[in-house]
Amino acid sequence: MNTPLPDWFIADIARAAEIPFKIRGTKAEVCCPFHDDKEASAIITARNVFYCSRCTPGRGWSAKTFCEKLGLKWEHFTRGASAGPRVARPAPVPDEPTFTPEKALAAWLNCFRRARNDDVVEEDREAYDYLISRSLLEAVEIGCYGILGENTLVPDEMGRWWRSGYRIVAALYNQKGEIVSVQGRCIRPSKLKTLFPTGSKVSGAFFADPRAVRILRSEDTHYSAIVLGEGMTDLGALSIASPVPVITAPGTGGALSAVGEWGRGRQVLLALDCDAAGRNALQAVSDALHAHGATRVLRLGWPRGCKDACDMLAAHGAVAISELISEQLAKEAS
């Protein structure tokens, strides 16, 4: 017999996905993470149901379905869950983020500089060993990641990251190519692999490799194609291998809001995860890209046994990813 979930269990999932909410009685209003929602048209309930008038018309999703469609692992939340009511204590949702873009920029620059400081390589050996084990070291060299060390000057919101193992840092950008937040990646076994600073506003923000940043800032217009993926580690895997610029959403739910004018006049290759959440997002993301003027939207199919770019990098290497992307773009162009 399945143990019933405690009241507001779904709130933990929303927090992990950085979805702000405000509880009113037995419901909480949220901006739907599965479509471009600016009016908080969705709700989560004390009985652990997610409703959206657009994405779940006439029905609701269970907490498990909601979790899986966000690309999160259900077992991370159910370990140790016990029955019985509880009171959700959501973090306050300020009108303005307390972790400001100015803080994000300062943190990113300091982590970026540390990654280029040869004098602290041995101090950061744990971080570099992790990157080497994932074949992601080159992502530091090309400017996708920074390194957080014990003495790196960062805002208070990131003060405990180093001790907790969140050593790899990536910047999140808006549609103008401005840094608005950062994300940390834990290099040790952890329930939460990634973290945003407390008080971040990451809705609509995304990762971008240096080539894509130049496109966002209108500094480079010669690329006719771009890859859209998901995840901080896939940012590194794709950027190392891709012959064209790379943008990745923080998660499947952020892929739609990452779409913007950067797609106008370009082919866009969707490199989302090969899972239920990734497949469910394809049509809406494709429609949004066409609405923003993309000339063609293609889907990158990962080989059998590979869920995402990181899997393929580990199994087949960067050259195989580069060839797969090049072949897909060439095939569709012919």
C-alpha atoms as a PDB file:
ATOM      1  CA  MET A   1       0.000   0.000   0.000  1.00  0.00           C
ATOM      2  CA  ASN A   2       1.377   3.371  -1.001  1.00  0.00           C
ATOM      3  CA  THR A   3       1.943   5.854   1.812  1.00  0.00           C
ATOM      4  CA  PRO A   4       0.008   9.074   1.130  1.00  0.00           C
ATOM      5  CA  LEU A   5       2.093  12.154   0.565  1.00  0.00           C
ATOM      6  CA  PRO A   6       2.003  14.840   3.244  1.00  0.00           C
ATOM      7  CA  ASP A   7       0.169  18.054   2.477  1.00  0.00           C
ATOM      8  CA  TRP A   8       2.157  20.529   0.384  1.00  0.00           C
ATOM      9  CA  PHE A   9       4.744  17.908  -0.617  1.00  0.00           C
ATOM     10  CA  ILE A  10       4.543  19.397  -4.125  1.00  0.00           C
ATOM     11  CA  ALA A  11       5.876  22.696  -2.710  1.00  0.00           C
ATOM     12  CA  ASP A  12       9.293  21.075  -2.189  1.00  0.00           C
ATOM     13  CA  ILE A  13       9.374  20.201  -5.877  1.00  0.00           C
ATOM     14  CA  ALA A  14       8.433  23.746  -6.868  1.00  0.00           C
ATOM     15  CA  ARG A  15      11.193  25.132  -4.638  1.00  0.00           C
ATOM     16  CA  ALA A  16      13.781  22.775  -6.130  1.00  0.00           C
ATOM     17  CA  ALA A  17      12.792  23.987  -9.603  1.00  0.00           C
ATOM     18  CA  GLU A  18      13.071  27.632  -8.430  1.00  0.00           C
ATOM     19  CA  ILE A  19       9.360  28.266  -9.111  1.00  0.00           C
ATOM     20  CA  PRO A  20       8.098  31.135  -6.894  1.00  0.00           C
ATOM     21  CA  PHE A  21       4.681  30.711  -5.293  1.00  0.00           C
ATOM     22  CA  LYS A  22       2.394  32.365  -2.780  1.00  0.00           C
ATOM     23  CA  ILE A  23       0.085  30.200  -0.672  1.00  0.00           C
ATOM     24  CA  ARG A  24      -3.512  31.316  -0.278  1.00  0.00           C
ATOM     25  CA  GLY A  25      -5.453  28.799   1.760  1.00  0.00           C
ATOM     26  CA  THR A  26      -5.189  25.388   0.113  1.00  0.00           C
ATOM     27  CA  LYS A  27      -3.776  26.683  -3.181  1.00  0.00           C
ATOM     28  CA  ALA A  28      -0.718  28.534  -4.395  1.00  0.00           C
ATOM     29  CA  GLU A  29      -0.480  30.512  -7.603  1.00  0.00           C
ATOM     30  CA  VAL A  30       2.519  29.871  -9.869  1.00  0.00           C
ATOM     31  CA  CYS A  31       3.701  30.941 -13.291  1.00  0.00           C
ATOM     32  CA  CYS A  32       3.527  27.761 -15.332  1.00  0.00           C
ATOM     33  CA  PRO A  33       7.076  26.563 -16.134  1.00  0.00           C
ATOM     34  CA  PHE A  34       5.882  24.728 -19.241  1.00  0.00           C
ATOM     35  CA  HIS A  35       4.746  27.698 -21.316  1.00  0.00           C
ATOM     36  CA  ASP A  36       5.552  31.410 -21.515  1.00  0.00           C
ATOM     37  CA  ASP A  37       3.383  32.398 -18.574  1.00  0.00           C
ATOM     38  CA  LYS A  38       3.603  35.901 -17.110  1.00  0.00           C
ATOM     39  CA  GLU A  39       0.263  35.969 -15.273  1.00  0.00           C
ATOM     40  CA  ALA A  40       0.578  33.049 -12.813  1.00  0.00           C
ATOM     41  CA  SER A  41      -2.107  31.059 -14.608  1.00  0.00           C
ATOM     42  CA  ALA A  42      -1.259  27.788 -12.864  1.00  0.00           C
ATOM     43  CA  ILE A  43      -1.721  26.533  -9.317  1.00  0.00           C
ATOM     44  CA  ILE A  44      -0.354  23.895  -6.984  1.00  0.00           C
ATOM     45  CA  THR A  45      -2.540  22.592  -4.179  1.00  0.00           C
ATOM     46  CA  ALA A  46      -2.157  21.315  -0.637  1.00  0.00           C
ATOM     47  CA  ARG A  47      -3.325  17.939  -1.954  1.00  0.00           C
ATOM     48  CA  ASN A  48      -0.283  17.841  -4.259  1.00  0.00           C
ATOM     49  CA  VAL A  49      -1.864  18.547  -7.635  1.00  0.00           C
ATOM     50  CA  PHE A  50      -0.605  20.878 -10.383  1.00  0.00           C
ATOM     51  CA  TYR A  51      -3.129  22.597 -12.652  1.00  0.00           C
ATOM     52  CA  CYS A  52      -2.557  24.822 -15.684  1.00  0.00           C
ATOM     53  CA  SER A  53      -5.392  26.041 -17.874  1.00  0.00           C
ATOM     54  CA  ARG A  54      -3.177  25.702 -20.951  1.00  0.00           C
ATOM     55  CA  CYS A  55      -0.951  22.689 -20.251  1.00  0.00           C
ATOM     56  CA  THR A  56      -3.378  20.489 -18.273  1.00  0.00           C
ATOM     57  CA  PRO A  57      -6.823  21.574 -19.528  1.00  0.00           C
ATOM     58  CA  GLY A  58      -9.644  19.853 -17.666  1.00  0.00           C
ATOM     59  CA  ARG A  59      -7.358  17.821 -15.433  1.00  0.00           C
ATOM     60  CA  GLY A  60      -4.358  18.048 -13.132  1.00  0.00           C
ATOM     61  CA  TRP A  61      -0.987  16.386 -12.757  1.00  0.00           C
ATOM     62  CA  SER A  62       0.091  14.463  -9.710  1.00  0.00           C
ATOM     63  CA  ALA A  63       3.170  15.597  -7.794  1.00  0.00           C
ATOM     64  CA  LYS A  64       5.129  12.763  -9.420  1.00  0.00           C
ATOM     65  CA  THR A  65       4.098  13.759 -12.949  1.00  0.00           C
ATOM     66  CA  PHE A  66       4.859  17.407 -12.184  1.00  0.00           C
ATOM     67  CA  CYS A  67       8.289  16.415 -10.876  1.00  0.00           C
ATOM     68  CA  GLU A  68       9.143  14.249 -13.880  1.00  0.00           C
ATOM     69  CA  LYS A  69       8.003  16.836 -16.421  1.00  0.00           C
ATOM     70  CA  LEU A  70      10.331  19.353 -14.740  1.00  0.00           C
ATOM     71  CA  GLY A  71      13.174  16.937 -15.358  1.00  0.00           C
ATOM     72  CA  LEU A  72      13.709  16.268 -11.637  1.00  0.00           C
ATOM     73  CA  LYS A  73      14.184  12.855 -10.031  1.00  0.00           C
ATOM     74  CA  TRP A  74      11.162  11.742  -8.034  1.00  0.00           C
ATOM     75  CA  GLU A  75      13.213   9.561  -5.701  1.00  0.00           C
ATOM     76  CA  HIS A  76      15.162  12.601  -4.503  1.00  0.00           C
ATOM     77  CA  PHE A  77      11.977  13.895  -2.899  1.00  0.00           C
ATOM     78  CA  THR A  78      10.365  10.673  -1.696  1.00  0.00           C
ATOM     79  CA  ARG A  79      13.271   9.379   0.394  1.00  0.00           C
ATOM     80  CA  GLY A  80      12.145   9.730   3.966  1.00  0.00           C
ATOM     81  CA  ALA A  81       8.762  11.272   3.099  1.00  0.00           C
ATOM     82  CA  SER A  82       6.197  10.555   5.825  1.00  0.00           C
ATOM     83  CA  ALA A  83       2.475  10.877   5.969  1.00  0.00           C
ATOM     84  CA  GLY A  84       0.665  13.572   7.884  1.00  0.00           C
ATOM     85  CA  PRO A  85      -0.122  17.235   7.302  1.00  0.00           C
ATOM     86  CA  ARG A  86       2.546  19.863   7.432  1.00  0.00           C
ATOM     87  CA  VAL A  87       2.691  23.598   6.932  1.00  0.00           C
ATOM     88  CA  ALA A  88       4.619  24.786   3.925  1.00  0.00           C
ATOM     89  CA  ARG A  89       7.031  27.590   4.647  1.00  0.00           C
ATOM     90  CA  PRO A  90       7.883  29.031   1.257  1.00  0.00           C
ATOM     91  CA  ALA A  91      10.649  31.555   0.991  1.00  0.00           C
ATOM     92  CA  PRO A  92       9.299  35.082   0.493  1.00  0.00           C
ATOM     93  CA  VAL A  93       8.856  36.134  -3.093  1.00  0.00           C
ATOM     94  CA  PRO A  94      10.147  39.709  -3.301  1.00  0.00           C
ATOM     95  CA  ASP A  95       8.995  42.094  -5.994  1.00  0.00           C
ATOM     96  CA  GLU A  96      12.655  42.544  -6.914  1.00  0.00           C
ATOM     97  CA  PRO A  97      15.334  39.827  -6.644  1.00  0.00           C
ATOM     98  CA  THR A  98      17.648  40.231  -3.675  1.00  0.00           C
ATOM     99  CA  PHE A  99      20.408  38.466  -5.582  1.00  0.00           C
ATOM    100  CA  THR A 100      20.757  41.215  -8.159  1.00  0.00           C
ATOM    101  CA  PRO A 101      22.360  41.126 -11.601  1.00  0.00           C
ATOM    102  CA  GLU A 102      25.153  43.268 -10.143  1.00  0.00           C
ATOM    103  CA  LYS A 103      25.903  40.563  -7.569  1.00  0.00           C
ATOM    104  CA  ALA A 104      25.681  37.893 -10.261  1.00  0.00           C
ATOM    105  CA  LEU A 105      28.135  39.702 -12.514  1.00  0.00           C
ATOM    106  CA  ALA A 106      30.633  40.221  -9.695  1.00  0.00           C
ATOM    107  CA  ALA A 107      30.402  36.579  -8.613  1.00  0.00           C
ATOM    108  CA  TRP A 108      30.803  35.309 -12.163  1.00  0.00           C
ATOM    109  CA  LEU A 109      33.817  37.505 -12.909  1.00  0.00           C
ATOM    110  CA  ASN A 110      35.602  36.366  -9.746  1.00  0.00           C
ATOM    111  CA  CYS A 111      34.915  32.690 -10.469  1.00  0.00           C
ATOM    112  CA  PHE A 112      35.891  33.203 -14.110  1.00  0.00           C
ATOM    113  CA  ARG A 113      39.193  34.821 -13.105  1.00  0.00           C
ATOM    114  CA  ARG A 114      39.956  32.048 -10.636  1.00  0.00           C
ATOM    115  CA  ALA A 115      39.558  29.466 -13.387  1.00  0.00           C
ATOM    116  CA  ARG A 116      42.339  31.271 -15.251  1.00  0.00           C
ATOM    117  CA  ASN A 117      44.671  31.573 -12.277  1.00  0.00           C
ATOM    118  CA  ASP A 118      47.361  28.903 -12.607  1.00  0.00           C
ATOM    119  CA  ASP A 119      48.553  29.611  -9.051  1.00  0.00           C
ATOM    120  CA  VAL A 120      45.471  27.988  -7.496  1.00  0.00           C
ATOM    121  CA  VAL A 121      45.140  24.894  -9.677  1.00  0.00           C
ATOM    122  CA  GLU A 122      46.254  22.547  -6.903  1.00  0.00           C
ATOM    123  CA  GLU A 123      43.887  24.205  -4.420  1.00  0.00           C
ATOM    124  CA  ASP A 124      41.082  23.511  -6.878  1.00  0.00           C
ATOM    125  CA  ARG A 125      42.203  19.985  -7.746  1.00  0.00           C
ATOM    126  CA  GLU A 126      38.916  18.471  -6.555  1.00  0.00           C
ATOM    127  CA  ALA A 127      36.971  20.665  -8.988  1.00  0.00           C
ATOM    128  CA  TYR A 128      39.306  19.977 -11.885  1.00  0.00           C
ATOM    129  CA  ASP A 129      39.302  16.235 -11.209  1.00  0.00           C
ATOM    130  CA  TYR A 130      35.511  16.312 -11.373  1.00  0.00           C
ATOM    131  CA  LEU A 131      35.575  18.135 -14.715  1.00  0.00           C
ATOM    132  CA  ILE A 132      38.164  15.733 -16.090  1.00  0.00           C
ATOM    133  CA  SER A 133      36.069  12.744 -14.980  1.00  0.00           C
ATOM    134  CA  ARG A 134      33.142  14.168 -16.996  1.00  0.00           C
ATOM    135  CA  SER A 135      35.333  15.166 -19.988  1.00  0.00           C
ATOM    136  CA  LEU A 136      34.282  18.781 -19.356  1.00  0.00           C
ATOM    137  CA  LEU A 137      37.615  20.438 -18.617  1.00  0.00           C
ATOM    138  CA  GLU A 138      37.686  22.181 -22.000  1.00  0.00           C
ATOM    139  CA  ALA A 139      34.461  23.995 -21.051  1.00  0.00           C
ATOM    140  CA  VAL A 140      36.530  25.993 -18.556  1.00  0.00           C
ATOM    141  CA  GLU A 141      39.074  26.834 -21.241  1.00  0.00           C
ATOM    142  CA  ILE A 142      36.446  28.203 -23.612  1.00  0.00           C
ATOM    143  CA  GLY A 143      34.746  30.291 -20.928  1.00  0.00           C
ATOM    144  CA  CYS A 144      31.575  28.357 -20.044  1.00  0.00           C
ATOM    145  CA  TYR A 145      32.485  27.679 -16.426  1.00  0.00           C
ATOM    146  CA  GLY A 146      34.215  29.410 -13.557  1.00  0.00           C
ATOM    147  CA  ILE A 147      35.641  27.856 -10.398  1.00  0.00           C
ATOM    148  CA  LEU A 148      34.603  28.753  -6.867  1.00  0.00           C
ATOM    149  CA  GLY A 149      37.415  28.449  -4.332  1.00  0.00           C
ATOM    150  CA  GLU A 150      37.637  28.864  -0.583  1.00  0.00           C
ATOM    151  CA  ASN A 151      38.805  32.464  -0.844  1.00  0.00           C
ATOM    152  CA  THR A 152      36.837  33.545  -3.910  1.00  0.00           C
ATOM    153  CA  LEU A 153      35.014  36.793  -3.185  1.00  0.00           C
ATOM    154  CA  VAL A 154      31.295  36.109  -3.688  1.00  0.00           C
ATOM    155  CA  PRO A 155      28.062  37.557  -2.243  1.00  0.00           C
ATOM    156  CA  ASP A 156      26.689  36.213   1.040  1.00  0.00           C
ATOM    157  CA  GLU A 157      24.039  34.216  -0.868  1.00  0.00           C
ATOM    158  CA  MET A 158      26.863  31.987  -2.164  1.00  0.00           C
ATOM    159  CA  GLY A 159      28.935  31.992   1.022  1.00  0.00           C
ATOM    160  CA  ARG A 160      28.349  28.305   1.885  1.00  0.00           C
ATOM    161  CA  TRP A 161      28.685  26.945  -1.643  1.00  0.00           C
ATOM    162  CA  TRP A 162      32.381  26.135  -1.455  1.00  0.00           C
ATOM    163  CA  ARG A 163      32.094  24.134   1.765  1.00  0.00           C
ATOM    164  CA  SER A 164      29.058  22.249   0.409  1.00  0.00           C
ATOM    165  CA  GLY A 165      30.874  21.259  -2.775  1.00  0.00           C
ATOM    166  CA  TYR A 166      29.248  23.662  -5.252  1.00  0.00           C
ATOM    167  CA  ARG A 167      32.520  24.491  -6.980  1.00  0.00           C
ATOM    168  CA  ILE A 168      31.612  24.807 -10.680  1.00  0.00           C
ATOM    169  CA  VAL A 169      29.805  28.033 -11.582  1.00  0.00           C
ATOM    170  CA  ALA A 170      28.062  29.124 -14.783  1.00  0.00           C
ATOM    171  CA  ALA A 171      26.444  32.451 -15.661  1.00  0.00           C
ATOM    172  CA  LEU A 172      22.814  32.852 -16.667  1.00  0.00           C
ATOM    173  CA  TYR A 173      21.922  35.469 -19.263  1.00  0.00           C
ATOM    174  CA  ASN A 174      18.838  37.364 -20.399  1.00  0.00           C
ATOM    175  CA  GLN A 175      17.867  37.994 -24.004  1.00  0.00           C
ATOM    176  CA  LYS A 176      20.202  41.012 -24.184  1.00  0.00           C
ATOM    177  CA  GLY A 177      23.228  38.961 -23.178  1.00  0.00           C
ATOM    178  CA  GLU A 178      23.350  40.482 -19.683  1.00  0.00           C
ATOM    179  CA  ILE A 179      24.269  38.284 -16.723  1.00  0.00           C
ATOM    180  CA  VAL A 180      21.311  38.069 -14.357  1.00  0.00           C
ATOM    181  CA  SER A 181      22.220  35.142 -12.100  1.00  0.00           C
ATOM    182  CA  VAL A 182      24.566  32.188 -11.671  1.00  0.00           C
ATOM    183  CA  GLN A 183      24.192  28.496 -10.964  1.00  0.00           C
ATOM    184  CA  GLY A 184      26.520  26.247  -8.992  1.00  0.00           C
ATOM    185  CA  ARG A 185      27.193  22.557  -9.702  1.00  0.00           C
ATOM    186  CA  CYS A 186      28.023  20.208  -6.841  1.00  0.00           C
ATOM    187  CA  ILE A 187      31.046  17.999  -7.491  1.00  0.00           C
ATOM    188  CA  ARG A 188      30.182  15.570  -4.689  1.00  0.00           C
ATOM    189  CA  PRO A 189      27.218  13.202  -4.250  1.00  0.00           C
ATOM    190  CA  SER A 190      24.306  15.441  -3.350  1.00  0.00           C
ATOM    191  CA  LYS A 191      20.515  15.436  -3.330  1.00  0.00           C
ATOM    192  CA  LEU A 192      20.532  18.680  -5.307  1.00  0.00           C
ATOM    193  CA  LYS A 193      23.164  18.702  -8.037  1.00  0.00           C
ATOM    194  CA  THR A 194      22.712  22.388  -8.815  1.00  0.00           C
ATOM    195  CA  LEU A 195      21.854  25.526  -6.842  1.00  0.00           C
ATOM    196  CA  PHE A 196      20.800  29.088  -7.561  1.00  0.00           C
ATOM    197  CA  PRO A 197      21.680  31.781  -5.028  1.00  0.00           C
ATOM    198  CA  THR A 198      18.875  32.564  -2.607  1.00  0.00           C
ATOM    199  CA  GLY A 199      16.845  35.477  -3.925  1.00  0.00           C
ATOM    200  CA  SER A 200      17.690  34.879  -7.583  1.00  0.00           C
ATOM    201  CA  LYS A 201      15.247  35.668 -10.340  1.00  0.00           C
ATOM    202  CA  VAL A 202      15.942  33.095 -13.035  1.00  0.00           C
ATOM    203  CA  SER A 203      12.653  32.985 -14.906  1.00  0.00           C
ATOM    204  CA  GLY A 204      13.502  33.426 -18.577  1.00  0.00           C
ATOM    205  CA  ALA A 205      17.257  33.206 -17.965  1.00  0.00           C
ATOM    206  CA  PHE A 206      19.501  30.665 -19.663  1.00  0.00           C
ATOM    207  CA  PHE A 207      23.093  29.571 -20.192  1.00  0.00           C
ATOM    208  CA  ALA A 208      25.036  30.570 -23.299  1.00  0.00           C
ATOM    209  CA  ASP A 209      28.513  29.819 -24.572  1.00  0.00           C
ATOM    210  CA  PRO A 210      30.715  32.797 -25.558  1.00  0.00           C
ATOM    211  CA  ARG A 211      29.659  32.547 -29.205  1.00  0.00           C
ATOM    212  CA  ALA A 212      25.981  32.710 -28.282  1.00  0.00           C
ATOM    213  CA  VAL A 213      26.612  35.614 -25.902  1.00  0.00           C
ATOM    214  CA  ARG A 214      28.014  37.606 -28.829  1.00  0.00           C
ATOM    215  CA  ILE A 215      24.837  36.836 -30.786  1.00  0.00           C
ATOM    216  CA  LEU A 216      22.647  37.998 -27.894  1.00  0.00           C
ATOM    217  CA  ARG A 217      24.641  41.242 -27.736  1.00  0.00           C
ATOM    218  CA  SER A 218      24.381  41.724 -31.524  1.00  0.00           C
ATOM    219  CA  GLU A 219      28.173  41.535 -31.797  1.00  0.00           C
ATOM    220  CA  ASP A 220      28.212  38.537 -34.145  1.00  0.00           C
ATOM    221  CA  THR A 221      25.708  37.755 -36.892  1.00  0.00           C
ATOM    222  CA  HIS A 222      27.532  35.327 -39.166  1.00  0.00           C
ATOM    223  CA  TYR A 223      26.269  32.079 -37.624  1.00  0.00           C
ATOM    224  CA  SER A 224      23.269  30.692 -39.496  1.00  0.00           C
ATOM    225  CA  ALA A 225      22.484  27.981 -36.933  1.00  0.00           C
ATOM    226  CA  ILE A 226      22.379  27.572 -33.167  1.00  0.00           C
ATOM    227  CA  VAL A 227      21.846  24.675 -30.744  1.00  0.00           C
ATOM    228  CA  LEU A 228      19.276  24.836 -27.933  1.00  0.00           C
ATOM    229  CA  GLY A 229      19.801  22.276 -25.180  1.00  0.00           C
ATOM    230  CA  GLU A 230      19.179  22.021 -21.460  1.00  0.00           C
ATOM    231  CA  GLY A 231      21.252  21.898 -18.326  1.00  0.00           C
ATOM    232  CA  MET A 232      24.488  23.311 -16.982  1.00  0.00           C
ATOM    233  CA  THR A 233      26.622  20.249 -17.738  1.00  0.00           C
ATOM    234  CA  ASP A 234      25.139  19.922 -21.228  1.00  0.00           C
ATOM    235  CA  LEU A 235      26.196  23.541 -21.786  1.00  0.00           C
ATOM    236  CA  GLY A 236      29.776  22.353 -21.406  1.00  0.00           C
ATOM    237  CA  ALA A 237      29.391  19.143 -23.399  1.00  0.00           C
ATOM    238  CA  LEU A 238      27.690  20.866 -26.329  1.00  0.00           C
ATOM    239  CA  SER A 239      29.938  23.934 -26.320  1.00  0.00           C
ATOM    240  CA  ILE A 240      33.073  21.798 -26.447  1.00  0.00           C
ATOM    241  CA  ALA A 241      31.800  19.872 -29.451  1.00  0.00           C
ATOM    242  CA  SER A 242      29.320  22.007 -31.369  1.00  0.00           C
ATOM    243  CA  PRO A 243      30.436  23.781 -34.559  1.00  0.00           C
ATOM    244  CA  VAL A 244      27.729  26.408 -33.919  1.00  0.00           C
ATOM    245  CA  PRO A 245      26.801  28.503 -30.844  1.00  0.00           C
ATOM    246  CA  VAL A 246      25.019  26.891 -27.896  1.00  0.00           C
ATOM    247  CA  ILE A 247      22.230  28.040 -25.574  1.00  0.00           C
ATOM    248  CA  THR A 248      20.891  25.782 -22.828  1.00  0.00           C
ATOM    249  CA  ALA A 249      17.979  26.233 -20.448  1.00  0.00           C
ATOM    250  CA  PRO A 250      18.493  25.536 -16.727  1.00  0.00           C
ATOM    251  CA  GLY A 251      15.973  22.694 -17.111  1.00  0.00           C
ATOM    252  CA  THR A 252      13.350  21.393 -19.506  1.00  0.00           C
ATOM    253  CA  GLY A 253      10.761  23.742 -18.024  1.00  0.00           C
ATOM    254  CA  GLY A 254      12.938  26.741 -18.929  1.00  0.00           C
ATOM    255  CA  ALA A 255      13.481  25.820 -22.580  1.00  0.00           C
ATOM    256  CA  LEU A 256      10.378  27.665 -23.764  1.00  0.00           C
ATOM    257  CA  SER A 257      11.194  30.906 -21.962  1.00  0.00           C
ATOM    258  CA  ALA A 258      14.761  30.771 -23.333  1.00  0.00           C
ATOM    259  CA  VAL A 259      13.430  31.250 -26.861  1.00  0.00           C
ATOM    260  CA  GLY A 260      13.950  34.751 -28.229  1.00  0.00           C
ATOM    261  CA  GLU A 261      15.035  36.905 -31.137  1.00  0.00           C
ATOM    262  CA  TRP A 262      18.364  35.081 -31.266  1.00  0.00           C
ATOM    263  CA  GLY A 263      16.545  32.452 -33.339  1.00  0.00           C
ATOM    264  CA  ARG A 264      15.418  34.854 -36.049  1.00  0.00           C
ATOM    265  CA  GLY A 265      16.784  33.944 -39.462  1.00  0.00           C
ATOM    266  CA  ARG A 266      18.611  30.875 -38.123  1.00  0.00           C
ATOM    267  CA  GLN A 267      18.235  27.132 -38.080  1.00  0.00           C
ATOM    268  CA  VAL A 268      17.776  25.935 -34.499  1.00  0.00           C
ATOM    269  CA  LEU A 269      18.773  22.424 -33.526  1.00  0.00           C
ATOM    270  CA  LEU A 270      16.878  21.193 -30.447  1.00  0.00           C
ATOM    271  CA  ALA A 271      19.183  19.079 -28.285  1.00  0.00           C
ATOM    272  CA  LEU A 272      16.845  18.503 -25.346  1.00  0.00           C
ATOM    273  CA  ASP A 273      17.148  15.439 -23.152  1.00  0.00           C
ATOM    274  CA  CYS A 274      15.807  12.202 -24.549  1.00  0.00           C
ATOM    275  CA  ASP A 275      13.256  11.655 -21.788  1.00  0.00           C
ATOM    276  CA  ALA A 276       9.569  12.267 -21.247  1.00  0.00           C
ATOM    277  CA  ALA A 277      10.069  15.890 -20.205  1.00  0.00           C
ATOM    278  CA  GLY A 278      12.265  16.631 -23.217  1.00  0.00           C
ATOM    279  CA  ARG A 279       9.854  15.011 -25.659  1.00  0.00           C
ATOM    280  CA  ASN A 280       6.864  16.805 -24.151  1.00  0.00           C
ATOM    281  CA  ALA A 281       8.572  20.186 -24.569  1.00  0.00           C
ATOM    282  CA  LEU A 282       9.554  19.760 -28.228  1.00  0.00           C
ATOM    283  CA  GLN A 283       6.375  20.977 -29.910  1.00  0.00           C
ATOM    284  CA  ALA A 284       5.847  24.076 -27.769  1.00  0.00           C
ATOM    285  CA  VAL A 285       9.507  25.105 -28.078  1.00  0.00           C
ATOM    286  CA  SER A 286       9.458  24.503 -31.822  1.00  0.00           C
ATOM    287  CA  ASP A 287       6.297  26.614 -32.219  1.00  0.00           C
ATOM    288  CA  ALA A 288       7.847  29.440 -30.194  1.00  0.00           C
ATOM    289  CA  LEU A 289      11.018  29.386 -32.304  1.00  0.00           C
ATOM    290  CA  HIS A 290       9.011  29.606 -35.519  1.00  0.00           C
ATOM    291  CA  ALA A 291       7.021  32.488 -34.018  1.00  0.00           C
ATOM    292  CA  HIS A 292      10.342  34.274 -33.387  1.00  0.00           C
ATOM    293  CA  GLY A 293      11.405  33.867 -36.995  1.00  0.00           C
ATOM    294  CA  ALA A 294      13.567  30.728 -36.998  1.00  0.00           C
ATOM    295  CA  THR A 295      13.982  29.494 -40.565  1.00  0.00           C
ATOM    296  CA  ARG A 296      13.939  25.850 -39.545  1.00  0.00           C
ATOM    297  CA  VAL A 297      13.696  23.910 -36.296  1.00  0.00           C
ATOM    298  CA  LEU A 298      15.346  20.507 -36.180  1.00  0.00           C
ATOM    299  CA  ARG A 299      15.520  17.827 -33.524  1.00  0.00           C
ATOM    300  CA  LEU A 300      18.801  16.196 -32.608  1.00  0.00           C
ATOM    301  CA  GLY A 301      18.331  12.497 -31.965  1.00  0.00           C
ATOM    302  CA  TRP A 302      20.771  11.036 -29.444  1.00  0.00           C
ATOM    303  CA  PRO A 303      22.158   7.539 -30.123  1.00  0.00           C
ATOM    304  CA  ARG A 304      20.704   4.569 -28.289  1.00  0.00           C
ATOM    305  CA  GLY A 305      21.783   4.529 -24.672  1.00  0.00           C
ATOM    306  CA  CYS A 306      22.411   8.299 -24.514  1.00  0.00           C
ATOM    307  CA  LYS A 307      19.891  10.568 -22.791  1.00  0.00           C
ATOM    308  CA  ASP A 308      21.728  13.815 -23.381  1.00  0.00           C
ATOM    309  CA  ALA A 309      24.931  15.483 -24.569  1.00  0.00           C
ATOM    310  CA  CYS A 310      26.854  14.490 -21.439  1.00  0.00           C
ATOM    311  CA  ASP A 311      26.009  10.835 -21.982  1.00  0.00           C
ATOM    312  CA  MET A 312      27.175  11.050 -25.577  1.00  0.00           C
ATOM    313  CA  LEU A 313      30.349  12.886 -24.640  1.00  0.00           C
ATOM    314  CA  ALA A 314      31.210  10.144 -22.152  1.00  0.00           C
ATOM    315  CA  ALA A 315      30.309   7.289 -24.493  1.00  0.00           C
ATOM    316  CA  HIS A 316      31.499   8.556 -27.865  1.00  0.00           C
ATOM    317  CA  GLY A 317      33.559  11.729 -27.381  1.00  0.00           C
ATOM    318  CA  ALA A 318      33.341  15.323 -28.591  1.00  0.00           C
ATOM    319  CA  VAL A 319      34.121  14.497 -32.218  1.00  0.00           C
ATOM    320  CA  ALA A 320      31.044  12.273 -32.417  1.00  0.00           C
ATOM    321  CA  ILE A 321      28.802  15.086 -31.131  1.00  0.00           C
ATOM    322  CA  SER A 322      30.332  17.540 -33.607  1.00  0.00           C
ATOM    323  CA  GLU A 323      29.773  15.125 -36.479  1.00  0.00           C
ATOM    324  CA  LEU A 324      26.199  14.425 -35.390  1.00  0.00           C
ATOM    325  CA  ILE A 325      25.352  18.144 -35.298  1.00  0.00           C
ATOM    326  CA  SER A 326      27.109  18.864 -38.606  1.00  0.00           C
ATOM    327  CA  GLU A 327      25.426  15.918 -40.324  1.00  0.00           C
ATOM    328  CA  GLN A 328      21.999  16.948 -39.082  1.00  0.00           C
ATOM    329  CA  LEU A 329      22.394  20.535 -40.271  1.00  0.00           C
ATOM    330  CA  ALA A 330      23.845  19.437 -43.626  1.00  0.00           C
ATOM    331  CA  LYS A 331      21.123  16.826 -44.140  1.00  0.00           C
ATOM    332  CA  GLU A 332      18.322  19.295 -43.582  1.00  0.00           C
ATOM    333  CA  ALA A 333      19.990  21.927 -45.766  1.00  0.00           C
ATOM    334  CA  SER A 334      20.298  19.600 -48.764  1.00  0.00           C
END
